[in-house]
Amino acid sequence: MSANAELKRVKEWAWMRSFANLYQKESQAWWSTKRWWINGLLWLGLVAGMLVAMLFIVPPFFAALGQTTMVADNGGMVKMGLHTFYTVGTLAITIGVIVLCQDLIIGEKQTGLTEYLLANPVQRKAYVLAKLCASLVAVFLLLVALPGAAAYVVISLGAGGPLPLLPYLAGIGLLVLHSLFYLTLTIMLGVFFSSRSPILGIPFGIFFIGMLFGFLKPLMYIGPSMLTGCAEAIAGSVPLPPGLLWPALLATGLWCVAFTCAALIKFERTEF
């Protein structure tokens, strides 16, 4: 334990003391083990596999059965591909964020590593923010950017030409914010709770309620649920109705800030 948590002397602001060392520790947990390439291949293969099945396997199968309505032209391929990526693909990515990050704090609390680290000259806010920043980089690269690039290639192949890049990147940006919501929520719950049940149950509950219960439409404007539909429309160069995107965008950003601040305040007051 002590070898993995060894701290080096660095120059930094007193209010963020040991952030650099802790960030390096968290980054090594992602990039110095098999974790990065296993997760990279897993989520890339999962998302790309779903798209390949929907665009290149399912339509010929239905065509062979005489169901010509299931055979799409190039424009239909784009719509089908984007819808698959921003529904089923987003489901896979969200599950990945919650599962991979649910043990960030509670695991170290249970093993005593948190108490050991805080016995050193470590600012508590640096401890939480180092985990958040290192995990955000990993989530962005492994769970969003890599599957997103694969999705772009597969959908472009199905459409017979490249998708417009800038609208697609704008859609990916909304997916990053969507993932950040669940990352900050999971970290906050890890600070507040000492068991994994609420850390997994609450984020999954929020996600599935937003995805399955469309009749709760007013609530969709104050959370991330609306972002996936907006991202799909933007990536497909479909104009959005006025006032549809910005409330959800602003609300999700504020939730991310609120979750982070709540985690910092609670962690400062927690006794180990």
C-alpha atoms as a PDB file:
ATOM      1  CA  MET A   1       0.000   0.000   0.000  1.00  0.00           C
ATOM      2  CA  SER A   2       2.730   2.441   0.967  1.00  0.00           C
ATOM      3  CA  ALA A   3       4.609   1.800  -2.257  1.00  0.00           C
ATOM      4  CA  ASN A   4       1.560   2.688  -4.354  1.00  0.00           C
ATOM      5  CA  ALA A   5       0.917   5.833  -2.309  1.00  0.00           C
ATOM      6  CA  GLU A   6       4.473   7.206  -2.151  1.00  0.00           C
ATOM      7  CA  LEU A   7       4.502  11.006  -2.375  1.00  0.00           C
ATOM      8  CA  LYS A   8       7.192  13.166  -3.973  1.00  0.00           C
ATOM      9  CA  ARG A   9       8.103  16.729  -3.022  1.00  0.00           C
ATOM     10  CA  VAL A  10       6.724  19.227  -5.539  1.00  0.00           C
ATOM     11  CA  LYS A  11       6.015  22.963  -5.565  1.00  0.00           C
ATOM     12  CA  GLU A  12       2.315  23.838  -5.659  1.00  0.00           C
ATOM     13  CA  TRP A  13      -0.310  26.029  -4.021  1.00  0.00           C
ATOM     14  CA  ALA A  14      -0.926  25.328  -0.348  1.00  0.00           C
ATOM     15  CA  TRP A  15      -4.694  24.995  -0.811  1.00  0.00           C
ATOM     16  CA  MET A  16      -4.086  22.205  -3.353  1.00  0.00           C
ATOM     17  CA  ARG A  17      -1.146  20.552  -1.615  1.00  0.00           C
ATOM     18  CA  SER A  18      -0.295  17.080  -3.006  1.00  0.00           C
ATOM     19  CA  PHE A  19      -2.654  17.402  -5.991  1.00  0.00           C
ATOM     20  CA  ALA A  20       0.148  16.631  -8.457  1.00  0.00           C
ATOM     21  CA  ASN A  21       1.224  13.498  -6.595  1.00  0.00           C
ATOM     22  CA  LEU A  22      -2.333  12.286  -6.155  1.00  0.00           C
ATOM     23  CA  TYR A  23      -3.172  12.997  -9.800  1.00  0.00           C
ATOM     24  CA  GLN A  24      -0.137  10.979 -10.856  1.00  0.00           C
ATOM     25  CA  LYS A  25      -1.239   8.128  -8.595  1.00  0.00           C
ATOM     26  CA  GLU A  26      -4.752   8.125 -10.054  1.00  0.00           C
ATOM     27  CA  SER A  27      -3.456   8.366 -13.623  1.00  0.00           C
ATOM     28  CA  GLN A  28      -1.149   5.410 -13.066  1.00  0.00           C
ATOM     29  CA  ALA A  29      -4.127   3.392 -11.845  1.00  0.00           C
ATOM     30  CA  TRP A  30      -5.638   3.918 -15.300  1.00  0.00           C
ATOM     31  CA  TRP A  31      -2.648   3.965 -17.639  1.00  0.00           C
ATOM     32  CA  SER A  32       0.117   1.892 -15.977  1.00  0.00           C
ATOM     33  CA  THR A  33      -1.885  -1.331 -15.883  1.00  0.00           C
ATOM     34  CA  LYS A  34      -3.936  -3.430 -18.274  1.00  0.00           C
ATOM     35  CA  ARG A  35      -6.978  -1.392 -17.317  1.00  0.00           C
ATOM     36  CA  TRP A  36      -6.659   1.151 -20.122  1.00  0.00           C
ATOM     37  CA  TRP A  37      -6.394  -1.196 -23.094  1.00  0.00           C
ATOM     38  CA  ILE A  38      -8.909  -3.700 -21.718  1.00  0.00           C
ATOM     39  CA  ASN A  39     -11.511  -0.959 -21.296  1.00  0.00           C
ATOM     40  CA  GLY A  40     -10.518   0.698 -24.547  1.00  0.00           C
ATOM     41  CA  LEU A  41     -11.073  -2.505 -26.515  1.00  0.00           C
ATOM     42  CA  LEU A  42     -14.198  -3.411 -24.544  1.00  0.00           C
ATOM     43  CA  TRP A  43     -16.176  -0.213 -25.094  1.00  0.00           C
ATOM     44  CA  LEU A  44     -14.883   0.325 -28.623  1.00  0.00           C
ATOM     45  CA  GLY A  45     -15.812  -3.233 -29.589  1.00  0.00           C
ATOM     46  CA  LEU A  46     -19.207  -3.003 -27.878  1.00  0.00           C
ATOM     47  CA  VAL A  47     -20.260   0.242 -29.545  1.00  0.00           C
ATOM     48  CA  ALA A  48     -18.758  -0.566 -32.946  1.00  0.00           C
ATOM     49  CA  GLY A  49     -20.229  -4.076 -32.837  1.00  0.00           C
ATOM     50  CA  MET A  50     -23.733  -2.751 -32.197  1.00  0.00           C
ATOM     51  CA  LEU A  51     -23.426  -0.308 -35.086  1.00  0.00           C
ATOM     52  CA  VAL A  52     -22.046  -2.928 -37.482  1.00  0.00           C
ATOM     53  CA  ALA A  53     -24.938  -5.229 -36.589  1.00  0.00           C
ATOM     54  CA  MET A  54     -27.573  -2.504 -37.048  1.00  0.00           C
ATOM     55  CA  LEU A  55     -26.176  -1.134 -40.304  1.00  0.00           C
ATOM     56  CA  PHE A  56     -24.677  -4.120 -42.108  1.00  0.00           C
ATOM     57  CA  ILE A  57     -26.237  -7.303 -40.681  1.00  0.00           C
ATOM     58  CA  VAL A  58     -29.836  -6.523 -39.729  1.00  0.00           C
ATOM     59  CA  PRO A  59     -30.932  -4.793 -43.009  1.00  0.00           C
ATOM     60  CA  PRO A  60     -29.715  -7.618 -45.333  1.00  0.00           C
ATOM     61  CA  PHE A  61     -31.341 -10.157 -43.014  1.00  0.00           C
ATOM     62  CA  PHE A  62     -34.735  -8.450 -43.279  1.00  0.00           C
ATOM     63  CA  ALA A  63     -34.232  -7.916 -47.016  1.00  0.00           C
ATOM     64  CA  ALA A  64     -33.739 -11.667 -47.427  1.00  0.00           C
ATOM     65  CA  LEU A  65     -37.058 -12.160 -45.625  1.00  0.00           C
ATOM     66  CA  GLY A  66     -38.782  -9.726 -47.982  1.00  0.00           C
ATOM     67  CA  GLN A  67     -39.116  -6.951 -45.372  1.00  0.00           C
ATOM     68  CA  THR A  68     -38.015  -4.138 -47.655  1.00  0.00           C
ATOM     69  CA  THR A  69     -39.199  -1.487 -45.197  1.00  0.00           C
ATOM     70  CA  MET A  70     -36.222  -2.378 -43.010  1.00  0.00           C
ATOM     71  CA  VAL A  71     -33.762  -1.597 -45.830  1.00  0.00           C
ATOM     72  CA  ALA A  72     -32.567   2.011 -45.552  1.00  0.00           C
ATOM     73  CA  ASP A  73     -30.939   4.323 -48.077  1.00  0.00           C
ATOM     74  CA  ASN A  74     -27.843   6.354 -47.238  1.00  0.00           C
ATOM     75  CA  GLY A  75     -29.834   8.964 -45.346  1.00  0.00           C
ATOM     76  CA  GLY A  76     -31.634   6.242 -43.452  1.00  0.00           C
ATOM     77  CA  MET A  77     -28.302   4.641 -42.614  1.00  0.00           C
ATOM     78  CA  VAL A  78     -27.120   7.889 -41.027  1.00  0.00           C
ATOM     79  CA  LYS A  79     -30.290   8.252 -38.970  1.00  0.00           C
ATOM     80  CA  MET A  80     -30.209   4.614 -37.881  1.00  0.00           C
ATOM     81  CA  GLY A  81     -26.525   4.770 -37.010  1.00  0.00           C
ATOM     82  CA  LEU A  82     -26.778   7.991 -35.024  1.00  0.00           C
ATOM     83  CA  HIS A  83     -29.889   6.792 -33.205  1.00  0.00           C
ATOM     84  CA  THR A  84     -28.162   3.529 -32.260  1.00  0.00           C
ATOM     85  CA  PHE A  85     -25.041   5.322 -31.031  1.00  0.00           C
ATOM     86  CA  TYR A  86     -26.872   7.947 -28.984  1.00  0.00           C
ATOM     87  CA  THR A  87     -29.327   5.478 -27.405  1.00  0.00           C
ATOM     88  CA  VAL A  88     -27.783   2.026 -27.014  1.00  0.00           C
ATOM     89  CA  GLY A  89     -24.240   3.387 -27.230  1.00  0.00           C
ATOM     90  CA  THR A  90     -24.932   6.029 -24.592  1.00  0.00           C
ATOM     91  CA  LEU A  91     -26.417   3.328 -22.367  1.00  0.00           C
ATOM     92  CA  ALA A  92     -23.189   1.311 -22.622  1.00  0.00           C
ATOM     93  CA  ILE A  93     -20.993   4.355 -21.985  1.00  0.00           C
ATOM     94  CA  THR A  94     -23.039   5.452 -18.960  1.00  0.00           C
ATOM     95  CA  ILE A  95     -22.889   1.975 -17.468  1.00  0.00           C
ATOM     96  CA  GLY A  96     -19.130   2.032 -18.009  1.00  0.00           C
ATOM     97  CA  VAL A  97     -18.709   5.381 -16.249  1.00  0.00           C
ATOM     98  CA  ILE A  98     -20.727   4.295 -13.206  1.00  0.00           C
ATOM     99  CA  VAL A  99     -19.183   0.834 -12.867  1.00  0.00           C
ATOM    100  CA  LEU A 100     -15.575   1.909 -13.433  1.00  0.00           C
ATOM    101  CA  CYS A 101     -15.784   4.908 -11.083  1.00  0.00           C
ATOM    102  CA  GLN A 102     -17.973   3.532  -8.281  1.00  0.00           C
ATOM    103  CA  ASP A 103     -14.923   2.238  -6.395  1.00  0.00           C
ATOM    104  CA  LEU A 104     -12.741   5.351  -6.669  1.00  0.00           C
ATOM    105  CA  ILE A 105     -13.298   6.596  -3.119  1.00  0.00           C
ATOM    106  CA  ILE A 106     -15.192   3.891  -1.270  1.00  0.00           C
ATOM    107  CA  GLY A 107     -12.582   1.265  -2.108  1.00  0.00           C
ATOM    108  CA  GLU A 108      -9.789   3.306  -0.520  1.00  0.00           C
ATOM    109  CA  LYS A 109     -11.997   4.194   2.450  1.00  0.00           C
ATOM    110  CA  GLN A 110     -12.620   0.508   3.133  1.00  0.00           C
ATOM    111  CA  THR A 111      -8.964  -0.543   2.790  1.00  0.00           C
ATOM    112  CA  GLY A 112      -7.680   2.326   4.950  1.00  0.00           C
ATOM    113  CA  LEU A 113      -5.674   3.923   2.138  1.00  0.00           C
ATOM    114  CA  THR A 114      -7.647   7.165   2.427  1.00  0.00           C
ATOM    115  CA  GLU A 115      -6.790   7.470   6.109  1.00  0.00           C
ATOM    116  CA  TYR A 116      -3.132   6.723   5.366  1.00  0.00           C
ATOM    117  CA  LEU A 117      -2.931   9.373   2.639  1.00  0.00           C
ATOM    118  CA  LEU A 118      -4.639  12.020   4.756  1.00  0.00           C
ATOM    119  CA  ALA A 119      -2.081  11.408   7.505  1.00  0.00           C
ATOM    120  CA  ASN A 120       0.436  12.948   5.085  1.00  0.00           C
ATOM    121  CA  PRO A 121       0.492  16.660   4.156  1.00  0.00           C
ATOM    122  CA  VAL A 122      -2.450  16.241   1.797  1.00  0.00           C
ATOM    123  CA  GLN A 123      -5.276  18.694   1.261  1.00  0.00           C
ATOM    124  CA  ARG A 124      -8.599  16.888   1.243  1.00  0.00           C
ATOM    125  CA  LYS A 125      -9.913  18.839  -1.708  1.00  0.00           C
ATOM    126  CA  ALA A 126      -6.813  17.786  -3.666  1.00  0.00           C
ATOM    127  CA  TYR A 127      -7.647  14.151  -2.928  1.00  0.00           C
ATOM    128  CA  VAL A 128     -11.143  14.446  -4.428  1.00  0.00           C
ATOM    129  CA  LEU A 129     -10.201  16.677  -7.361  1.00  0.00           C
ATOM    130  CA  ALA A 130      -7.251  14.457  -8.343  1.00  0.00           C
ATOM    131  CA  LYS A 131      -9.618  11.506  -8.665  1.00  0.00           C
ATOM    132  CA  LEU A 132     -12.119  13.579 -10.617  1.00  0.00           C
ATOM    133  CA  CYS A 133      -9.566  15.020 -13.066  1.00  0.00           C
ATOM    134  CA  ALA A 134      -7.703  11.753 -13.707  1.00  0.00           C
ATOM    135  CA  SER A 135     -10.956   9.835 -14.165  1.00  0.00           C
ATOM    136  CA  LEU A 136     -12.374  12.505 -16.471  1.00  0.00           C
ATOM    137  CA  VAL A 137      -9.388  12.135 -18.807  1.00  0.00           C
ATOM    138  CA  ALA A 138      -9.750   8.343 -18.831  1.00  0.00           C
ATOM    139  CA  VAL A 139     -13.524   8.464 -19.332  1.00  0.00           C
ATOM    140  CA  PHE A 140     -13.184  10.956 -22.168  1.00  0.00           C
ATOM    141  CA  LEU A 141     -10.524   8.979 -24.027  1.00  0.00           C
ATOM    142  CA  LEU A 142     -11.599   5.385 -23.380  1.00  0.00           C
ATOM    143  CA  LEU A 143     -15.381   5.600 -23.096  1.00  0.00           C
ATOM    144  CA  VAL A 144     -16.296   8.566 -25.295  1.00  0.00           C
ATOM    145  CA  ALA A 145     -13.595   9.572 -27.793  1.00  0.00           C
ATOM    146  CA  LEU A 146     -12.512   6.079 -28.858  1.00  0.00           C
ATOM    147  CA  PRO A 147     -16.030   4.618 -29.287  1.00  0.00           C
ATOM    148  CA  GLY A 148     -17.125   7.930 -30.808  1.00  0.00           C
ATOM    149  CA  ALA A 149     -14.367   7.749 -33.439  1.00  0.00           C
ATOM    150  CA  ALA A 150     -15.280   4.142 -34.217  1.00  0.00           C
ATOM    151  CA  ALA A 151     -18.944   5.118 -34.535  1.00  0.00           C
ATOM    152  CA  TYR A 152     -18.030   7.919 -36.945  1.00  0.00           C
ATOM    153  CA  VAL A 153     -16.131   5.491 -39.182  1.00  0.00           C
ATOM    154  CA  VAL A 154     -18.842   2.812 -39.144  1.00  0.00           C
ATOM    155  CA  ILE A 155     -21.702   5.247 -39.798  1.00  0.00           C
ATOM    156  CA  SER A 156     -19.731   6.938 -42.569  1.00  0.00           C
ATOM    157  CA  LEU A 157     -19.127   3.568 -44.221  1.00  0.00           C
ATOM    158  CA  GLY A 158     -22.825   2.757 -43.988  1.00  0.00           C
ATOM    159  CA  ALA A 159     -23.774   6.146 -45.438  1.00  0.00           C
ATOM    160  CA  GLY A 160     -21.326   5.843 -48.325  1.00  0.00           C
ATOM    161  CA  GLY A 161     -19.450   9.008 -47.344  1.00  0.00           C
ATOM    162  CA  PRO A 162     -18.080  10.890 -44.330  1.00  0.00           C
ATOM    163  CA  LEU A 163     -20.498  12.571 -41.957  1.00  0.00           C
ATOM    164  CA  PRO A 164     -20.130  16.341 -41.445  1.00  0.00           C
ATOM    165  CA  LEU A 165     -17.353  16.463 -38.865  1.00  0.00           C
ATOM    166  CA  LEU A 166     -18.134  19.608 -36.868  1.00  0.00           C
ATOM    167  CA  PRO A 167     -21.781  18.717 -36.087  1.00  0.00           C
ATOM    168  CA  TYR A 168     -20.659  15.227 -35.092  1.00  0.00           C
ATOM    169  CA  LEU A 169     -17.997  16.634 -32.757  1.00  0.00           C
ATOM    170  CA  ALA A 170     -20.605  18.946 -31.224  1.00  0.00           C
ATOM    171  CA  GLY A 171     -22.747  15.897 -30.494  1.00  0.00           C
ATOM    172  CA  ILE A 172     -19.753  14.167 -28.908  1.00  0.00           C
ATOM    173  CA  GLY A 173     -19.244  17.253 -26.735  1.00  0.00           C
ATOM    174  CA  LEU A 174     -22.766  16.855 -25.336  1.00  0.00           C
ATOM    175  CA  LEU A 175     -22.025  13.194 -24.664  1.00  0.00           C
ATOM    176  CA  VAL A 176     -18.917  14.246 -22.698  1.00  0.00           C
ATOM    177  CA  LEU A 177     -21.075  16.511 -20.519  1.00  0.00           C
ATOM    178  CA  HIS A 178     -23.592  13.687 -20.103  1.00  0.00           C
ATOM    179  CA  SER A 179     -20.778  11.386 -18.911  1.00  0.00           C
ATOM    180  CA  LEU A 180     -19.382  14.095 -16.620  1.00  0.00           C
ATOM    181  CA  PHE A 181     -22.760  14.299 -14.873  1.00  0.00           C
ATOM    182  CA  TYR A 182     -22.607  10.612 -13.925  1.00  0.00           C
ATOM    183  CA  LEU A 183     -18.906  10.780 -13.069  1.00  0.00           C
ATOM    184  CA  THR A 184     -19.345  13.650 -10.594  1.00  0.00           C
ATOM    185  CA  LEU A 185     -22.517  12.059  -9.200  1.00  0.00           C
ATOM    186  CA  THR A 186     -20.738   8.734  -8.620  1.00  0.00           C
ATOM    187  CA  ILE A 187     -17.773  10.405  -6.920  1.00  0.00           C
ATOM    188  CA  MET A 188     -20.080  12.447  -4.680  1.00  0.00           C
ATOM    189  CA  LEU A 189     -22.001   9.327  -3.657  1.00  0.00           C
ATOM    190  CA  GLY A 190     -18.703   7.605  -2.873  1.00  0.00           C
ATOM    191  CA  VAL A 191     -17.956  10.399  -0.409  1.00  0.00           C
ATOM    192  CA  PHE A 192     -21.399  10.306   1.214  1.00  0.00           C
ATOM    193  CA  PHE A 193     -21.938   6.546   1.479  1.00  0.00           C
ATOM    194  CA  SER A 194     -19.969   3.582   2.792  1.00  0.00           C
ATOM    195  CA  SER A 195     -21.633   0.840   0.726  1.00  0.00           C
ATOM    196  CA  ARG A 196     -21.784   0.285  -3.014  1.00  0.00           C
ATOM    197  CA  SER A 197     -25.558  -0.211  -3.267  1.00  0.00           C
ATOM    198  CA  PRO A 198     -26.525   3.499  -3.320  1.00  0.00           C
ATOM    199  CA  ILE A 199     -23.445   4.397  -5.365  1.00  0.00           C
ATOM    200  CA  LEU A 200     -24.674   2.085  -8.127  1.00  0.00           C
ATOM    201  CA  GLY A 201     -28.420   2.278  -7.562  1.00  0.00           C
ATOM    202  CA  ILE A 202     -28.912   6.057  -7.557  1.00  0.00           C
ATOM    203  CA  PRO A 203     -27.070   6.830 -10.843  1.00  0.00           C
ATOM    204  CA  PHE A 204     -28.659   3.861 -12.623  1.00  0.00           C
ATOM    205  CA  GLY A 205     -32.069   4.904 -11.309  1.00  0.00           C
ATOM    206  CA  ILE A 206     -31.641   8.462 -12.584  1.00  0.00           C
ATOM    207  CA  PHE A 207     -30.469   7.248 -15.984  1.00  0.00           C
ATOM    208  CA  PHE A 208     -33.192   4.666 -16.574  1.00  0.00           C
ATOM    209  CA  ILE A 209     -35.965   6.921 -15.289  1.00  0.00           C
ATOM    210  CA  GLY A 210     -34.836   9.616 -17.714  1.00  0.00           C
ATOM    211  CA  MET A 211     -34.524   7.139 -20.582  1.00  0.00           C
ATOM    212  CA  LEU A 212     -37.710   5.108 -20.090  1.00  0.00           C
ATOM    213  CA  PHE A 213     -40.255   7.544 -18.670  1.00  0.00           C
ATOM    214  CA  GLY A 214     -40.794  10.140 -21.347  1.00  0.00           C
ATOM    215  CA  PHE A 215     -43.963  11.369 -19.619  1.00  0.00           C
ATOM    216  CA  LEU A 216     -41.688  13.054 -17.068  1.00  0.00           C
ATOM    217  CA  LYS A 217     -40.735  15.527 -19.772  1.00  0.00           C
ATOM    218  CA  PRO A 218     -40.520  18.620 -17.502  1.00  0.00           C
ATOM    219  CA  LEU A 219     -37.833  16.866 -15.437  1.00  0.00           C
ATOM    220  CA  MET A 220     -35.795  16.149 -18.584  1.00  0.00           C
ATOM    221  CA  TYR A 221     -34.995  19.850 -18.881  1.00  0.00           C
ATOM    222  CA  ILE A 222     -33.256  19.912 -15.496  1.00  0.00           C
ATOM    223  CA  GLY A 223     -31.001  16.900 -16.081  1.00  0.00           C
ATOM    224  CA  PRO A 224     -28.863  15.156 -18.687  1.00  0.00           C
ATOM    225  CA  SER A 225     -31.615  13.015 -20.274  1.00  0.00           C
ATOM    226  CA  MET A 226     -32.388  15.579 -22.971  1.00  0.00           C
ATOM    227  CA  LEU A 227     -28.727  15.853 -23.999  1.00  0.00           C
ATOM    228  CA  THR A 228     -28.585  12.541 -25.870  1.00  0.00           C
ATOM    229  CA  GLY A 229     -31.525  13.411 -28.100  1.00  0.00           C
ATOM    230  CA  CYS A 230     -30.074  16.860 -28.744  1.00  0.00           C
ATOM    231  CA  ALA A 231     -26.676  15.330 -29.512  1.00  0.00           C
ATOM    232  CA  GLU A 232     -28.258  12.936 -32.013  1.00  0.00           C
ATOM    233  CA  ALA A 233     -30.060  15.790 -33.754  1.00  0.00           C
ATOM    234  CA  ILE A 234     -26.978  18.038 -33.835  1.00  0.00           C
ATOM    235  CA  ALA A 235     -24.750  15.241 -35.148  1.00  0.00           C
ATOM    236  CA  GLY A 236     -27.288  14.608 -37.917  1.00  0.00           C
ATOM    237  CA  SER A 237     -27.436  18.320 -38.779  1.00  0.00           C
ATOM    238  CA  VAL A 238     -31.111  18.486 -37.736  1.00  0.00           C
ATOM    239  CA  PRO A 239     -32.221  21.934 -36.465  1.00  0.00           C
ATOM    240  CA  LEU A 240     -33.323  21.943 -32.843  1.00  0.00           C
ATOM    241  CA  PRO A 241     -36.426  23.811 -31.629  1.00  0.00           C
ATOM    242  CA  PRO A 242     -35.572  26.999 -29.721  1.00  0.00           C
ATOM    243  CA  GLY A 243     -35.198  26.494 -26.017  1.00  0.00           C
ATOM    244  CA  LEU A 244     -34.676  22.725 -26.226  1.00  0.00           C
ATOM    245  CA  LEU A 245     -30.923  22.435 -25.751  1.00  0.00           C
ATOM    246  CA  TRP A 246     -29.846  25.303 -23.512  1.00  0.00           C
ATOM    247  CA  PRO A 247     -31.956  24.522 -20.410  1.00  0.00           C
ATOM    248  CA  ALA A 248     -30.675  20.930 -20.296  1.00  0.00           C
ATOM    249  CA  LEU A 249     -27.127  22.050 -21.088  1.00  0.00           C
ATOM    250  CA  LEU A 250     -27.088  24.680 -18.346  1.00  0.00           C
ATOM    251  CA  ALA A 251     -28.836  22.457 -15.799  1.00  0.00           C
ATOM    252  CA  THR A 252     -26.436  19.549 -16.387  1.00  0.00           C
ATOM    253  CA  GLY A 253     -23.406  21.809 -16.031  1.00  0.00           C
ATOM    254  CA  LEU A 254     -24.779  23.216 -12.772  1.00  0.00           C
ATOM    255  CA  TRP A 255     -25.453  19.702 -11.455  1.00  0.00           C
ATOM    256  CA  CYS A 256     -21.830  18.744 -12.180  1.00  0.00           C
ATOM    257  CA  VAL A 257     -20.592  21.769 -10.222  1.00  0.00           C
ATOM    258  CA  ALA A 258     -23.058  21.080  -7.389  1.00  0.00           C
ATOM    259  CA  PHE A 259     -22.031  17.416  -7.105  1.00  0.00           C
ATOM    260  CA  THR A 260     -18.348  18.368  -7.030  1.00  0.00           C
ATOM    261  CA  CYS A 261     -18.861  21.072  -4.386  1.00  0.00           C
ATOM    262  CA  ALA A 262     -21.000  18.738  -2.256  1.00  0.00           C
ATOM    263  CA  ALA A 263     -18.295  16.061  -2.424  1.00  0.00           C
ATOM    264  CA  LEU A 264     -15.583  18.549  -1.402  1.00  0.00           C
ATOM    265  CA  ILE A 265     -17.612  19.952   1.512  1.00  0.00           C
ATOM    266  CA  LYS A 266     -18.637  16.532   2.798  1.00  0.00           C
ATOM    267  CA  PHE A 267     -15.122  15.105   2.484  1.00  0.00           C
ATOM    268  CA  GLU A 268     -13.666  18.029   4.420  1.00  0.00           C
ATOM    269  CA  ARG A 269     -16.018  17.228   7.320  1.00  0.00           C
ATOM    270  CA  THR A 270     -15.613  13.437   7.257  1.00  0.00           C
ATOM    271  CA  GLU A 271     -13.615  11.832  10.041  1.00  0.00           C
ATOM    272  CA  PHE A 272     -11.331   8.883   9.306  1.00  0.00           C
END
